[in-house]
Amino acid sequence: VKLLDFARSELADKEFKLRETDEPMGLISFSGGVALATGGAEANAAS
């Protein structure tokens, strides 16, 4: 969860600019989830 939050925050802080105009493109964000896979193919697929 900590890794996901840190990576999400870091990506949101990146400044993306359009190549043609060098104008800021806006914020980029991602959503994510964390689960524990306890073993076995079916359990891993469910996770």
ModelCIF file with pLDDT and N, C-alpha, C, O atoms, coordinates in Angstrom:
data_MODEL
#
_entry.id   MODEL 
#
_entity.id                         1 
_entity.type                       polymer 
_entity.pdbx_number_of_molecules   1 
#
_entity_poly.entity_id                      1 
_entity_poly.type                           'polypeptide(L)' 
_entity_poly.nstd_linkage                   no 
_entity_poly.nstd_monomer                   no 
_entity_poly.pdbx_seq_one_letter_code       VKLLDFARSELADKEFKLRETDEPMGLISFSGGVALATGGAEANAAS 
_entity_poly.pdbx_seq_one_letter_code_can   VKLLDFARSELADKEFKLRETDEPMGLISFSGGVALATGGAEANAAS 
_entity_poly.pdbx_strand_id                 A 
#
loop_
_entity_poly_seq.entity_id 
_entity_poly_seq.num 
_entity_poly_seq.mon_id 
_entity_poly_seq.hetero 
1 1  VAL n 
1 2  LYS n 
1 3  LEU n 
1 4  LEU n 
1 5  ASP n 
1 6  PHE n 
1 7  ALA n 
1 8  ARG n 
1 9  SER n 
1 10 GLU n 
1 11 LEU n 
1 12 ALA n 
1 13 ASP n 
1 14 LYS n 
1 15 GLU n 
1 16 PHE n 
1 17 LYS n 
1 18 LEU n 
1 19 ARG n 
1 20 GLU n 
1 21 THR n 
1 22 ASP n 
1 23 GLU n 
1 24 PRO n 
1 25 MET n 
1 26 GLY n 
1 27 LEU n 
1 28 ILE n 
1 29 SER n 
1 30 PHE n 
1 31 SER n 
1 32 GLY n 
1 33 GLY n 
1 34 VAL n 
1 35 ALA n 
1 36 LEU n 
1 37 ALA n 
1 38 THR n 
1 39 GLY n 
1 40 GLY n 
1 41 ALA n 
1 42 GLU n 
1 43 ALA n 
1 44 ASN n 
1 45 ALA n 
1 46 ALA n 
1 47 SER n 
#
_struct_asym.id          A 
_struct_asym.entity_id   1 
#
loop_
_ma_qa_metric.id 
_ma_qa_metric.mode 
_ma_qa_metric.name 
_ma_qa_metric.software_group_id 
_ma_qa_metric.type 
1 global pLDDT . pLDDT 
2 local  pLDDT . pLDDT 
#
_ma_qa_metric_global.metric_id      1 
_ma_qa_metric_global.metric_value   77.17 
_ma_qa_metric_global.model_id       1 
_ma_qa_metric_global.ordinal_id     1 
#
loop_
_ma_qa_metric_local.label_asym_id 
_ma_qa_metric_local.label_comp_id 
_ma_qa_metric_local.label_seq_id 
_ma_qa_metric_local.metric_id 
_ma_qa_metric_local.metric_value 
_ma_qa_metric_local.model_id 
_ma_qa_metric_local.ordinal_id 
A VAL 1  2 88.00 1 1  
A LYS 2  2 89.00 1 2  
A LEU 3  2 88.00 1 3  
A LEU 4  2 87.00 1 4  
A ASP 5  2 89.00 1 5  
A PHE 6  2 88.00 1 6  
A ALA 7  2 87.00 1 7  
A ARG 8  2 86.00 1 8  
A SER 9  2 87.00 1 9  
A GLU 10 2 85.00 1 10 
A LEU 11 2 83.00 1 11 
A ALA 12 2 82.00 1 12 
A ASP 13 2 82.00 1 13 
A LYS 14 2 77.00 1 14 
A GLU 15 2 75.00 1 15 
A PHE 16 2 70.00 1 16 
A LYS 17 2 64.00 1 17 
A LEU 18 2 62.00 1 18 
A ARG 19 2 62.00 1 19 
A GLU 20 2 62.00 1 20 
A THR 21 2 64.00 1 21 
A ASP 22 2 67.00 1 22 
A GLU 23 2 68.00 1 23 
A PRO 24 2 66.00 1 24 
A MET 25 2 70.00 1 25 
A GLY 26 2 71.00 1 26 
A LEU 27 2 75.00 1 27 
A ILE 28 2 83.00 1 28 
A SER 29 2 85.00 1 29 
A PHE 30 2 87.00 1 30 
A SER 31 2 89.00 1 31 
A GLY 32 2 90.00 1 32 
A GLY 33 2 89.00 1 33 
A VAL 34 2 89.00 1 34 
A ALA 35 2 86.00 1 35 
A LEU 36 2 82.00 1 36 
A ALA 37 2 76.00 1 37 
A THR 38 2 72.00 1 38 
A GLY 39 2 68.00 1 39 
A GLY 40 2 66.00 1 40 
A ALA 41 2 66.00 1 41 
A GLU 42 2 66.00 1 42 
A ALA 43 2 67.00 1 43 
A ASN 44 2 70.00 1 44 
A ALA 45 2 73.00 1 45 
A ALA 46 2 73.00 1 46 
A SER 47 2 76.00 1 47 
#
loop_
_atom_site.group_PDB 
_atom_site.id 
_atom_site.type_symbol 
_atom_site.label_atom_id 
_atom_site.label_alt_id 
_atom_site.label_comp_id 
_atom_site.label_asym_id 
_atom_site.label_entity_id 
_atom_site.label_seq_id 
_atom_site.pdbx_PDB_ins_code 
_atom_site.Cartn_x 
_atom_site.Cartn_y 
_atom_site.Cartn_z 
_atom_site.occupancy 
_atom_site.B_iso_or_equiv 
_atom_site.pdbx_formal_charge 
_atom_site.auth_seq_id 
_atom_site.auth_comp_id 
_atom_site.auth_asym_id 
_atom_site.auth_atom_id 
_atom_site.pdbx_PDB_model_num 
ATOM 1   N N  . VAL A 1 1  ? 0.849  -1.204  0.000   1.00 88.00 ? 1  VAL A N  1 
ATOM 2   C CA . VAL A 1 1  ? 0.000  0.000   0.000   1.00 88.00 ? 1  VAL A CA 1 
ATOM 3   C C  . VAL A 1 1  ? 0.882  1.252   0.000   1.00 88.00 ? 1  VAL A C  1 
ATOM 4   O O  . VAL A 1 1  ? 0.598  2.215   -0.712  1.00 88.00 ? 1  VAL A O  1 
ATOM 5   N N  . LYS A 1 2  ? 1.936  1.235   0.788   1.00 89.00 ? 2  LYS A N  1 
ATOM 6   C CA . LYS A 1 2  ? 2.853  2.367   0.855   1.00 89.00 ? 2  LYS A CA 1 
ATOM 7   C C  . LYS A 1 2  ? 3.531  2.593   -0.502  1.00 89.00 ? 2  LYS A C  1 
ATOM 8   O O  . LYS A 1 2  ? 3.635  3.727   -0.971  1.00 89.00 ? 2  LYS A O  1 
ATOM 9   N N  . LEU A 1 3  ? 3.988  1.505   -1.125  1.00 88.00 ? 3  LEU A N  1 
ATOM 10  C CA . LEU A 1 3  ? 4.616  1.608   -2.445  1.00 88.00 ? 3  LEU A CA 1 
ATOM 11  C C  . LEU A 1 3  ? 3.640  2.186   -3.460  1.00 88.00 ? 3  LEU A C  1 
ATOM 12  O O  . LEU A 1 3  ? 3.993  3.081   -4.228  1.00 88.00 ? 3  LEU A O  1 
ATOM 13  N N  . LEU A 1 4  ? 2.420  1.679   -3.465  1.00 87.00 ? 4  LEU A N  1 
ATOM 14  C CA . LEU A 1 4  ? 1.392  2.151   -4.399  1.00 87.00 ? 4  LEU A CA 1 
ATOM 15  C C  . LEU A 1 4  ? 1.126  3.640   -4.199  1.00 87.00 ? 4  LEU A C  1 
ATOM 16  O O  . LEU A 1 4  ? 1.059  4.394   -5.169  1.00 87.00 ? 4  LEU A O  1 
ATOM 17  N N  . ASP A 1 5  ? 0.976  4.057   -2.971  1.00 89.00 ? 5  ASP A N  1 
ATOM 18  C CA . ASP A 1 5  ? 0.691  5.455   -2.695  1.00 89.00 ? 5  ASP A CA 1 
ATOM 19  C C  . ASP A 1 5  ? 1.864  6.351   -3.090  1.00 89.00 ? 5  ASP A C  1 
ATOM 20  O O  . ASP A 1 5  ? 1.666  7.421   -3.665  1.00 89.00 ? 5  ASP A O  1 
ATOM 21  N N  . PHE A 1 6  ? 3.078  5.914   -2.782  1.00 88.00 ? 6  PHE A N  1 
ATOM 22  C CA . PHE A 1 6  ? 4.260  6.699   -3.117  1.00 88.00 ? 6  PHE A CA 1 
ATOM 23  C C  . PHE A 1 6  ? 4.413  6.829   -4.631  1.00 88.00 ? 6  PHE A C  1 
ATOM 24  O O  . PHE A 1 6  ? 4.686  7.918   -5.137  1.00 88.00 ? 6  PHE A O  1 
ATOM 25  N N  . ALA A 1 7  ? 4.236  5.717   -5.358  1.00 87.00 ? 7  ALA A N  1 
ATOM 26  C CA . ALA A 1 7  ? 4.353  5.747   -6.823  1.00 87.00 ? 7  ALA A CA 1 
ATOM 27  C C  . ALA A 1 7  ? 3.254  6.623   -7.434  1.00 87.00 ? 7  ALA A C  1 
ATOM 28  O O  . ALA A 1 7  ? 3.509  7.377   -8.373  1.00 87.00 ? 7  ALA A O  1 
ATOM 29  N N  . ARG A 1 8  ? 2.047  6.523   -6.904  1.00 86.00 ? 8  ARG A N  1 
ATOM 30  C CA . ARG A 1 8  ? 0.930  7.344   -7.399  1.00 86.00 ? 8  ARG A CA 1 
ATOM 31  C C  . ARG A 1 8  ? 1.241  8.820   -7.205  1.00 86.00 ? 8  ARG A C  1 
ATOM 32  O O  . ARG A 1 8  ? 1.010  9.627   -8.105  1.00 86.00 ? 8  ARG A O  1 
ATOM 33  N N  . SER A 1 9  ? 1.758  9.176   -6.044  1.00 87.00 ? 9  SER A N  1 
ATOM 34  C CA . SER A 1 9  ? 2.106  10.562  -5.741  1.00 87.00 ? 9  SER A CA 1 
ATOM 35  C C  . SER A 1 9  ? 3.239  11.061  -6.637  1.00 87.00 ? 9  SER A C  1 
ATOM 36  O O  . SER A 1 9  ? 3.203  12.189  -7.128  1.00 87.00 ? 9  SER A O  1 
ATOM 37  N N  . GLU A 1 10 ? 4.239  10.212  -6.842  1.00 85.00 ? 10 GLU A N  1 
ATOM 38  C CA . GLU A 1 10 ? 5.369  10.601  -7.685  1.00 85.00 ? 10 GLU A CA 1 
ATOM 39  C C  . GLU A 1 10 ? 4.943  10.827  -9.133  1.00 85.00 ? 10 GLU A C  1 
ATOM 40  O O  . GLU A 1 10 ? 5.397  11.777  -9.770  1.00 85.00 ? 10 GLU A O  1 
ATOM 41  N N  . LEU A 1 11 ? 4.082  9.969   -9.652  1.00 83.00 ? 11 LEU A N  1 
ATOM 42  C CA . LEU A 1 11 ? 3.612  10.149  -11.024 1.00 83.00 ? 11 LEU A CA 1 
ATOM 43  C C  . LEU A 1 11 ? 2.778  11.421  -11.131 1.00 83.00 ? 11 LEU A C  1 
ATOM 44  O O  . LEU A 1 11 ? 2.882  12.145  -12.121 1.00 83.00 ? 11 LEU A O  1 
ATOM 45  N N  . ALA A 1 12 ? 1.963  11.698  -10.135 1.00 82.00 ? 12 ALA A N  1 
ATOM 46  C CA . ALA A 1 12 ? 1.138  12.912  -10.152 1.00 82.00 ? 12 ALA A CA 1 
ATOM 47  C C  . ALA A 1 12 ? 1.997  14.172  -10.140 1.00 82.00 ? 12 ALA A C  1 
ATOM 48  O O  . ALA A 1 12 ? 1.577  15.214  -10.645 1.00 82.00 ? 12 ALA A O  1 
ATOM 49  N N  . ASP A 1 13 ? 3.198  14.085  -9.565  1.00 82.00 ? 13 ASP A N  1 
ATOM 50  C CA . ASP A 1 13 ? 4.097  15.241  -9.512  1.00 82.00 ? 13 ASP A CA 1 
ATOM 51  C C  . ASP A 1 13 ? 4.888  15.453  -10.803 1.00 82.00 ? 13 ASP A C  1 
ATOM 52  O O  . ASP A 1 13 ? 5.496  16.507  -10.989 1.00 82.00 ? 13 ASP A O  1 
ATOM 53  N N  . LYS A 1 14 ? 4.885  14.466  -11.688 1.00 77.00 ? 14 LYS A N  1 
ATOM 54  C CA . LYS A 1 14 ? 5.619  14.612  -12.944 1.00 77.00 ? 14 LYS A CA 1 
ATOM 55  C C  . LYS A 1 14 ? 4.895  15.610  -13.848 1.00 77.00 ? 14 LYS A C  1 
ATOM 56  O O  . LYS A 1 14 ? 3.666  15.629  -13.920 1.00 77.00 ? 14 LYS A O  1 
ATOM 57  N N  . GLU A 1 15 ? 5.668  16.421  -14.519 1.00 75.00 ? 15 GLU A N  1 
ATOM 58  C CA . GLU A 1 15 ? 5.085  17.399  -15.430 1.00 75.00 ? 15 GLU A CA 1 
ATOM 59  C C  . GLU A 1 15 ? 5.251  16.894  -16.864 1.00 75.00 ? 15 GLU A C  1 
ATOM 60  O O  . GLU A 1 15 ? 6.364  16.765  -17.374 1.00 75.00 ? 15 GLU A O  1 
ATOM 61  N N  . PHE A 1 16 ? 4.130  16.619  -17.485 1.00 70.00 ? 16 PHE A N  1 
ATOM 62  C CA . PHE A 1 16 ? 4.141  16.169  -18.872 1.00 70.00 ? 16 PHE A CA 1 
ATOM 63  C C  . PHE A 1 16 ? 3.803  17.357  -19.757 1.00 70.00 ? 16 PHE A C  1 
ATOM 64  O O  . PHE A 1 16 ? 2.849  18.092  -19.503 1.00 70.00 ? 16 PHE A O  1 
ATOM 65  N N  . LYS A 1 17 ? 4.596  17.527  -20.791 1.00 64.00 ? 17 LYS A N  1 
ATOM 66  C CA . LYS A 1 17 ? 4.356  18.632  -21.723 1.00 64.00 ? 17 LYS A CA 1 
ATOM 67  C C  . LYS A 1 17 ? 4.125  18.070  -23.114 1.00 64.00 ? 17 LYS A C  1 
ATOM 68  O O  . LYS A 1 17 ? 4.676  17.038  -23.495 1.00 64.00 ? 17 LYS A O  1 
ATOM 69  N N  . LEU A 1 18 ? 3.297  18.780  -23.853 1.00 62.00 ? 18 LEU A N  1 
ATOM 70  C CA . LEU A 1 18 ? 3.058  18.401  -25.237 1.00 62.00 ? 18 LEU A CA 1 
ATOM 71  C C  . LEU A 1 18 ? 4.290  18.757  -26.062 1.00 62.00 ? 18 LEU A C  1 
ATOM 72  O O  . LEU A 1 18 ? 4.845  19.848  -25.925 1.00 62.00 ? 18 LEU A O  1 
ATOM 73  N N  . ARG A 1 19 ? 4.705  17.846  -26.903 1.00 62.00 ? 19 ARG A N  1 
ATOM 74  C CA . ARG A 1 19 ? 5.931  18.057  -27.678 1.00 62.00 ? 19 ARG A CA 1 
ATOM 75  C C  . ARG A 1 19 ? 5.826  19.218  -28.653 1.00 62.00 ? 19 ARG A C  1 
ATOM 76  O O  . ARG A 1 19 ? 6.774  19.984  -28.826 1.00 62.00 ? 19 ARG A O  1 
ATOM 77  N N  . GLU A 1 20 ? 4.669  19.341  -29.288 1.00 62.00 ? 20 GLU A N  1 
ATOM 78  C CA . GLU A 1 20 ? 4.521  20.367  -30.325 1.00 62.00 ? 20 GLU A CA 1 
ATOM 79  C C  . GLU A 1 20 ? 4.556  21.782  -29.754 1.00 62.00 ? 20 GLU A C  1 
ATOM 80  O O  . GLU A 1 20 ? 5.170  22.678  -30.332 1.00 62.00 ? 20 GLU A O  1 
ATOM 81  N N  . THR A 1 21 ? 3.895  21.973  -28.616 1.00 64.00 ? 21 THR A N  1 
ATOM 82  C CA . THR A 1 21 ? 3.732  23.320  -28.081 1.00 64.00 ? 21 THR A CA 1 
ATOM 83  C C  . THR A 1 21 ? 4.478  23.542  -26.766 1.00 64.00 ? 21 THR A C  1 
ATOM 84  O O  . THR A 1 21 ? 4.586  24.677  -26.301 1.00 64.00 ? 21 THR A O  1 
ATOM 85  N N  . ASP A 1 22 ? 4.979  22.498  -26.180 1.00 67.00 ? 22 ASP A N  1 
ATOM 86  C CA . ASP A 1 22 ? 5.656  22.552  -24.890 1.00 67.00 ? 22 ASP A CA 1 
ATOM 87  C C  . ASP A 1 22 ? 4.717  23.021  -23.767 1.00 67.00 ? 22 ASP A C  1 
ATOM 88  O O  . ASP A 1 22 ? 5.172  23.446  -22.705 1.00 67.00 ? 22 ASP A O  1 
ATOM 89  N N  . GLU A 1 23 ? 3.414  22.940  -24.016 1.00 68.00 ? 23 GLU A N  1 
ATOM 90  C CA . GLU A 1 23 ? 2.431  23.312  -22.997 1.00 68.00 ? 23 GLU A CA 1 
ATOM 91  C C  . GLU A 1 23 ? 2.230  22.149  -22.031 1.00 68.00 ? 23 GLU A C  1 
ATOM 92  O O  . GLU A 1 23 ? 2.348  20.988  -22.422 1.00 68.00 ? 23 GLU A O  1 
ATOM 93  N N  . PRO A 1 24 ? 1.928  22.457  -20.770 1.00 66.00 ? 24 PRO A N  1 
ATOM 94  C CA . PRO A 1 24 ? 1.651  21.373  -19.819 1.00 66.00 ? 24 PRO A CA 1 
ATOM 95  C C  . PRO A 1 24 ? 0.435  20.566  -20.264 1.00 66.00 ? 24 PRO A C  1 
ATOM 96  O O  . PRO A 1 24 ? -0.556 21.127  -20.732 1.00 66.00 ? 24 PRO A O  1 
ATOM 97  N N  . MET A 1 25 ? 0.519  19.270  -20.118 1.00 70.00 ? 25 MET A N  1 
ATOM 98  C CA . MET A 1 25 ? -0.567 18.400  -20.537 1.00 70.00 ? 25 MET A CA 1 
ATOM 99  C C  . MET A 1 25 ? -1.604 18.243  -19.430 1.00 70.00 ? 25 MET A C  1 
ATOM 100 O O  . MET A 1 25 ? -2.766 17.948  -19.712 1.00 70.00 ? 25 MET A O  1 
ATOM 101 N N  . GLY A 1 26 ? -1.217 18.429  -18.222 1.00 71.00 ? 26 GLY A N  1 
ATOM 102 C CA . GLY A 1 26 ? -2.132 18.198  -17.115 1.00 71.00 ? 26 GLY A CA 1 
ATOM 103 C C  . GLY A 1 26 ? -1.656 17.046  -16.262 1.00 71.00 ? 26 GLY A C  1 
ATOM 104 O O  . GLY A 1 26 ? -0.671 16.381  -16.582 1.00 71.00 ? 26 GLY A O  1 
ATOM 105 N N  . LEU A 1 27 ? -2.356 16.821  -15.186 1.00 75.00 ? 27 LEU A N  1 
ATOM 106 C CA . LEU A 1 27 ? -1.950 15.792  -14.243 1.00 75.00 ? 27 LEU A CA 1 
ATOM 107 C C  . LEU A 1 27 ? -2.227 14.395  -14.777 1.00 75.00 ? 27 LEU A C  1 
ATOM 108 O O  . LEU A 1 27 ? -3.217 14.151  -15.466 1.00 75.00 ? 27 LEU A O  1 
ATOM 109 N N  . ILE A 1 28 ? -1.330 13.499  -14.438 1.00 83.00 ? 28 ILE A N  1 
ATOM 110 C CA . ILE A 1 28 ? -1.509 12.078  -14.751 1.00 83.00 ? 28 ILE A CA 1 
ATOM 111 C C  . ILE A 1 28 ? -1.694 11.373  -13.419 1.00 83.00 ? 28 ILE A C  1 
ATOM 112 O O  . ILE A 1 28 ? -0.934 11.597  -12.476 1.00 83.00 ? 28 ILE A O  1 
ATOM 113 N N  . SER A 1 29 ? -2.690 10.534  -13.346 1.00 85.00 ? 29 SER A N  1 
ATOM 114 C CA . SER A 1 29 ? -2.924 9.798   -12.106 1.00 85.00 ? 29 SER A CA 1 
ATOM 115 C C  . SER A 1 29 ? -3.219 8.342   -12.436 1.00 85.00 ? 29 SER A C  1 
ATOM 116 O O  . SER A 1 29 ? -3.578 7.995   -13.561 1.00 85.00 ? 29 SER A O  1 
ATOM 117 N N  . PHE A 1 30 ? -3.057 7.512   -11.429 1.00 87.00 ? 30 PHE A N  1 
ATOM 118 C CA . PHE A 1 30 ? -3.494 6.131   -11.592 1.00 87.00 ? 30 PHE A CA 1 
ATOM 119 C C  . PHE A 1 30 ? -4.150 5.653   -10.315 1.00 87.00 ? 30 PHE A C  1 
ATOM 120 O O  . PHE A 1 30 ? -3.897 6.161   -9.223  1.00 87.00 ? 30 PHE A O  1 
ATOM 121 N N  . SER A 1 31 ? -4.994 4.666   -10.489 1.00 89.00 ? 31 SER A N  1 
ATOM 122 C CA . SER A 1 31 ? -5.707 4.058   -9.375  1.00 89.00 ? 31 SER A CA 1 
ATOM 123 C C  . SER A 1 31 ? -5.189 2.645   -9.218  1.00 89.00 ? 31 SER A C  1 
ATOM 124 O O  . SER A 1 31 ? -4.747 2.021   -10.182 1.00 89.00 ? 31 SER A O  1 
ATOM 125 N N  . GLY A 1 32 ? -5.246 2.148   -8.000  1.00 90.00 ? 32 GLY A N  1 
ATOM 126 C CA . GLY A 1 32 ? -4.744 0.801   -7.795  1.00 90.00 ? 32 GLY A CA 1 
ATOM 127 C C  . GLY A 1 32 ? -5.338 0.141   -6.579  1.00 90.00 ? 32 GLY A C  1 
ATOM 128 O O  . GLY A 1 32 ? -6.006 0.769   -5.758  1.00 90.00 ? 32 GLY A O  1 
ATOM 129 N N  . GLY A 1 33 ? -5.076 -1.136  -6.488  1.00 89.00 ? 33 GLY A N  1 
ATOM 130 C CA . GLY A 1 33 ? -5.535 -1.920  -5.358  1.00 89.00 ? 33 GLY A CA 1 
ATOM 131 C C  . GLY A 1 33 ? -4.479 -2.920  -4.954  1.00 89.00 ? 33 GLY A C  1 
ATOM 132 O O  . GLY A 1 33 ? -3.592 -3.260  -5.738  1.00 89.00 ? 33 GLY A O  1 
ATOM 133 N N  . VAL A 1 34 ? -4.580 -3.387  -3.731  1.00 89.00 ? 34 VAL A N  1 
ATOM 134 C CA . VAL A 1 34 ? -3.638 -4.353  -3.177  1.00 89.00 ? 34 VAL A CA 1 
ATOM 135 C C  . VAL A 1 34 ? -4.433 -5.531  -2.634  1.00 89.00 ? 34 VAL A C  1 
ATOM 136 O O  . VAL A 1 34 ? -5.487 -5.354  -2.023  1.00 89.00 ? 34 VAL A O  1 
ATOM 137 N N  . ALA A 1 35 ? -3.921 -6.725  -2.863  1.00 86.00 ? 35 ALA A N  1 
ATOM 138 C CA . ALA A 1 35 ? -4.527 -7.929  -2.295  1.00 86.00 ? 35 ALA A CA 1 
ATOM 139 C C  . ALA A 1 35 ? -3.417 -8.913  -1.965  1.00 86.00 ? 35 ALA A C  1 
ATOM 140 O O  . ALA A 1 35 ? -2.315 -8.827  -2.508  1.00 86.00 ? 35 ALA A O  1 
ATOM 141 N N  . LEU A 1 36 ? -3.713 -9.839  -1.080  1.00 82.00 ? 36 LEU A N  1 
ATOM 142 C CA . LEU A 1 36 ? -2.770 -10.902 -0.762  1.00 82.00 ? 36 LEU A CA 1 
ATOM 143 C C  . LEU A 1 36 ? -3.192 -12.169 -1.482  1.00 82.00 ? 36 LEU A C  1 
ATOM 144 O O  . LEU A 1 36 ? -4.349 -12.583 -1.410  1.00 82.00 ? 36 LEU A O  1 
ATOM 145 N N  . ALA A 1 37 ? -2.242 -12.780 -2.175  1.00 76.00 ? 37 ALA A N  1 
ATOM 146 C CA . ALA A 1 37 ? -2.462 -14.066 -2.833  1.00 76.00 ? 37 ALA A CA 1 
ATOM 147 C C  . ALA A 1 37 ? -1.885 -15.125 -1.896  1.00 76.00 ? 37 ALA A C  1 
ATOM 148 O O  . ALA A 1 37 ? -0.687 -15.125 -1.611  1.00 76.00 ? 37 ALA A O  1 
ATOM 149 N N  . THR A 1 38 ? -2.730 -16.012 -1.426  1.00 72.00 ? 38 THR A N  1 
ATOM 150 C CA . THR A 1 38 ? -2.311 -16.960 -0.398  1.00 72.00 ? 38 THR A CA 1 
ATOM 151 C C  . THR A 1 38 ? -1.837 -18.292 -0.945  1.00 72.00 ? 38 THR A C  1 
ATOM 152 O O  . THR A 1 38 ? -1.487 -19.184 -0.171  1.00 72.00 ? 38 THR A O  1 
ATOM 153 N N  . GLY A 1 39 ? -1.819 -18.446 -2.245  1.00 68.00 ? 39 GLY A N  1 
ATOM 154 C CA . GLY A 1 39 ? -1.285 -19.675 -2.833  1.00 68.00 ? 39 GLY A CA 1 
ATOM 155 C C  . GLY A 1 39 ? -2.328 -20.479 -3.559  1.00 68.00 ? 39 GLY A C  1 
ATOM 156 O O  . GLY A 1 39 ? -3.510 -20.461 -3.216  1.00 68.00 ? 39 GLY A O  1 
ATOM 157 N N  . GLY A 1 40 ? -1.872 -21.183 -4.566  1.00 66.00 ? 40 GLY A N  1 
ATOM 158 C CA . GLY A 1 40 ? -2.753 -21.979 -5.401  1.00 66.00 ? 40 GLY A CA 1 
ATOM 159 C C  . GLY A 1 40 ? -3.315 -21.137 -6.525  1.00 66.00 ? 40 GLY A C  1 
ATOM 160 O O  . GLY A 1 40 ? -3.575 -19.946 -6.350  1.00 66.00 ? 40 GLY A O  1 
ATOM 161 N N  . ALA A 1 41 ? -3.502 -21.749 -7.667  1.00 66.00 ? 41 ALA A N  1 
ATOM 162 C CA . ALA A 1 41 ? -3.924 -21.025 -8.868  1.00 66.00 ? 41 ALA A CA 1 
ATOM 163 C C  . ALA A 1 41 ? -5.256 -20.304 -8.683  1.00 66.00 ? 41 ALA A C  1 
ATOM 164 O O  . ALA A 1 41 ? -5.396 -19.149 -9.084  1.00 66.00 ? 41 ALA A O  1 
ATOM 165 N N  . GLU A 1 42 ? -6.247 -20.984 -8.073  1.00 66.00 ? 42 GLU A N  1 
ATOM 166 C CA . GLU A 1 42 ? -7.563 -20.357 -7.902  1.00 66.00 ? 42 GLU A CA 1 
ATOM 167 C C  . GLU A 1 42 ? -7.511 -19.185 -6.930  1.00 66.00 ? 42 GLU A C  1 
ATOM 168 O O  . GLU A 1 42 ? -8.117 -18.143 -7.175  1.00 66.00 ? 42 GLU A O  1 
ATOM 169 N N  . ALA A 1 43 ? -6.787 -19.356 -5.828  1.00 67.00 ? 43 ALA A N  1 
ATOM 170 C CA . ALA A 1 43 ? -6.658 -18.270 -4.844  1.00 67.00 ? 43 ALA A CA 1 
ATOM 171 C C  . ALA A 1 43 ? -5.902 -17.099 -5.437  1.00 67.00 ? 43 ALA A C  1 
ATOM 172 O O  . ALA A 1 43 ? -6.262 -15.945 -5.205  1.00 67.00 ? 43 ALA A O  1 
ATOM 173 N N  . ASN A 1 44 ? -4.854 -17.384 -6.203  1.00 70.00 ? 44 ASN A N  1 
ATOM 174 C CA . ASN A 1 44 ? -4.091 -16.300 -6.829  1.00 70.00 ? 44 ASN A CA 1 
ATOM 175 C C  . ASN A 1 44 ? -4.943 -15.551 -7.849  1.00 70.00 ? 44 ASN A C  1 
ATOM 176 O O  . ASN A 1 44 ? -4.878 -14.324 -7.920  1.00 70.00 ? 44 ASN A O  1 
ATOM 177 N N  . ALA A 1 45 ? -5.737 -16.264 -8.635  1.00 73.00 ? 45 ALA A N  1 
ATOM 178 C CA . ALA A 1 45 ? -6.615 -15.610 -9.609  1.00 73.00 ? 45 ALA A CA 1 
ATOM 179 C C  . ALA A 1 45 ? -7.638 -14.732 -8.902  1.00 73.00 ? 45 ALA A C  1 
ATOM 180 O O  . ALA A 1 45 ? -7.929 -13.624 -9.351  1.00 73.00 ? 45 ALA A O  1 
ATOM 181 N N  . ALA A 1 46 ? -8.181 -15.229 -7.798  1.00 73.00 ? 46 ALA A N  1 
ATOM 182 C CA . ALA A 1 46 ? -9.147 -14.420 -7.027  1.00 73.00 ? 46 ALA A CA 1 
ATOM 183 C C  . ALA A 1 46 ? -8.480 -13.180 -6.461  1.00 73.00 ? 46 ALA A C  1 
ATOM 184 O O  . ALA A 1 46 ? -9.085 -12.108 -6.441  1.00 73.00 ? 46 ALA A O  1 
ATOM 185 N N  . SER A 1 47 ? -7.242 -13.310 -6.001  1.00 76.00 ? 47 SER A N  1 
ATOM 186 C CA . SER A 1 47 ? -6.518 -12.160 -5.466  1.00 76.00 ? 47 SER A CA 1 
ATOM 187 C C  . SER A 1 47 ? -6.226 -11.121 -6.549  1.00 76.00 ? 47 SER A C  1 
ATOM 188 O O  . SER A 1 47 ? -5.620 -10.087 -6.266  1.00 76.00 ? 47 SER A O  1 
#
